[in-house]
């Protein structure tokens, strides 16, 4: 968003006020998922090509994903979360995620 863009808040308010509770929760979920994706892309400097390849989505659907204009399925969310976690683990480096018990025994 640039300082030259105008935001029609009246239009946004009308849109939001027409939503029922279920629609509002869905919009919130879609924006939350899109925000998570955008933060991830920014933090790890993920290219459009890499993102689309990793999630097996066509390039034309990229903008839908990053703007939340997508009906994210549980599979979609699972793949996104897996990709984010894998990149975070790669960033941390070689770590041992296993032994949960201090003595190494279950």
Protein backbone atom coordinates (compact mmCIF):
# COMPACT_ATOMS: atom_id res chain seq x y z
CA UNK A 1 0.00 0.00 0.00
CA UNK A 2 1.35 3.39 -0.91
CA UNK A 3 0.45 6.78 0.50
CA UNK A 4 -1.18 7.61 -2.84
CA UNK A 5 -3.76 4.87 -2.57
CA UNK A 6 -7.14 5.74 -1.19
CA UNK A 7 -9.08 3.34 0.96
CA UNK A 8 -12.82 3.34 0.67
CA UNK A 9 -13.59 2.57 4.30
CA UNK A 10 -17.31 3.08 3.70
CA UNK A 11 -17.25 0.25 1.17
CA UNK A 12 -15.32 -1.97 3.58
CA UNK A 13 -17.67 -1.20 6.45
CA UNK A 14 -20.72 -2.03 4.32
CA UNK A 15 -19.14 -5.32 3.29
CA UNK A 16 -18.31 -6.28 6.88
CA UNK A 17 -21.69 -5.29 8.24
CA UNK A 18 -23.48 -7.52 5.71
CA UNK A 19 -21.67 -10.62 6.97
CA UNK A 20 -23.40 -13.03 9.29
CA UNK A 21 -21.39 -14.51 12.16
CA UNK A 22 -20.31 -17.61 10.22
CA UNK A 23 -19.20 -15.55 7.23
CA UNK A 24 -17.29 -13.19 9.49
CA UNK A 25 -15.46 -16.11 11.12
CA UNK A 26 -14.64 -17.51 7.68
CA UNK A 27 -13.29 -14.15 6.48
CA UNK A 28 -11.21 -13.87 9.65
CA UNK A 29 -9.83 -17.38 9.05
CA UNK A 30 -9.03 -16.58 5.40
CA UNK A 31 -7.22 -13.35 6.37
CA UNK A 32 -5.35 -15.07 9.18
CA UNK A 33 -4.11 -17.76 6.79
CA UNK A 34 -3.15 -15.18 4.17
CA UNK A 35 -1.32 -13.12 6.80
CA UNK A 36 0.58 -16.20 7.97
CA UNK A 37 1.58 -16.93 4.36
CA UNK A 38 2.67 -13.32 3.74
CA UNK A 39 4.75 -13.20 6.93
CA UNK A 40 6.40 -16.50 6.00
CA UNK A 41 7.18 -15.35 2.44
CA UNK A 42 8.66 -12.10 3.77
CA UNK A 43 10.70 -13.72 6.56
CA UNK A 44 12.21 -16.45 4.40
CA UNK A 45 12.33 -14.45 1.15
CA UNK A 46 10.33 -17.13 -0.67
CA UNK A 47 9.85 -16.51 -4.37
CA UNK A 48 6.52 -16.96 -6.11
CA UNK A 49 8.01 -19.84 -8.07
CA UNK A 50 9.32 -21.63 -4.97
CA UNK A 51 6.06 -21.16 -3.07
CA UNK A 52 3.94 -22.46 -5.93
CA UNK A 53 6.26 -25.41 -6.54
CA UNK A 54 6.35 -26.44 -2.88
CA UNK A 55 2.56 -26.30 -2.50
CA UNK A 56 1.82 -27.63 -5.99
CA UNK A 57 -0.36 -24.70 -6.93
CA UNK A 58 -0.48 -22.98 -10.33
CA UNK A 59 1.05 -19.50 -10.56
CA UNK A 60 -2.36 -17.99 -11.33
CA UNK A 61 -3.56 -19.07 -7.85
CA UNK A 62 -0.64 -17.42 -6.01
CA UNK A 63 -2.42 -14.08 -5.55
CA UNK A 64 -5.50 -15.91 -4.29
CA UNK A 65 -3.38 -17.56 -1.58
CA UNK A 66 -1.56 -14.45 -0.40
CA UNK A 67 -4.74 -12.34 -0.35
CA UNK A 68 -6.86 -14.94 1.41
CA UNK A 69 -9.19 -15.27 -1.57
CA UNK A 70 -9.08 -19.02 -1.37
CA UNK A 71 -11.25 -21.59 0.37
CA UNK A 72 -8.36 -23.19 2.27
CA UNK A 73 -8.97 -26.88 2.91
CA UNK A 74 -7.42 -28.75 5.80
CA UNK A 75 -4.99 -30.27 3.29
CA UNK A 76 -4.00 -26.80 2.07
CA UNK A 77 -3.41 -25.60 5.63
CA UNK A 78 -1.52 -28.77 6.50
CA UNK A 79 0.81 -28.35 3.51
CA UNK A 80 1.37 -24.68 4.31
CA UNK A 81 2.14 -25.42 7.98
CA UNK A 82 4.49 -28.27 7.03
CA UNK A 83 6.36 -26.01 4.62
CA UNK A 84 6.66 -23.25 7.25
CA UNK A 85 7.88 -25.67 9.93
CA UNK A 86 10.42 -27.26 7.59
CA UNK A 87 11.88 -23.87 6.65
CA UNK A 88 12.02 -22.83 10.33
CA UNK A 89 13.86 -26.04 11.24
CA UNK A 90 16.27 -25.54 8.33
CA UNK A 91 16.92 -22.00 9.61
CA UNK A 92 17.69 -23.23 13.13
CA UNK A 93 20.08 -25.85 11.85
CA UNK A 94 20.85 -29.35 13.03
CA UNK A 95 18.70 -30.01 16.08
CA UNK A 96 17.55 -33.19 17.77
CA UNK A 97 13.78 -33.11 18.06
CA UNK A 98 13.40 -36.50 19.63
CA UNK A 99 14.06 -37.58 23.24
CA UNK A 100 11.11 -36.28 25.21
CA UNK A 101 12.19 -37.89 28.49
CA UNK A 102 15.30 -36.61 30.24
CA UNK A 103 16.79 -40.06 30.63
CA UNK A 104 16.05 -41.02 27.01
CA UNK A 105 13.51 -43.65 28.09
CA UNK A 106 9.78 -43.48 27.43
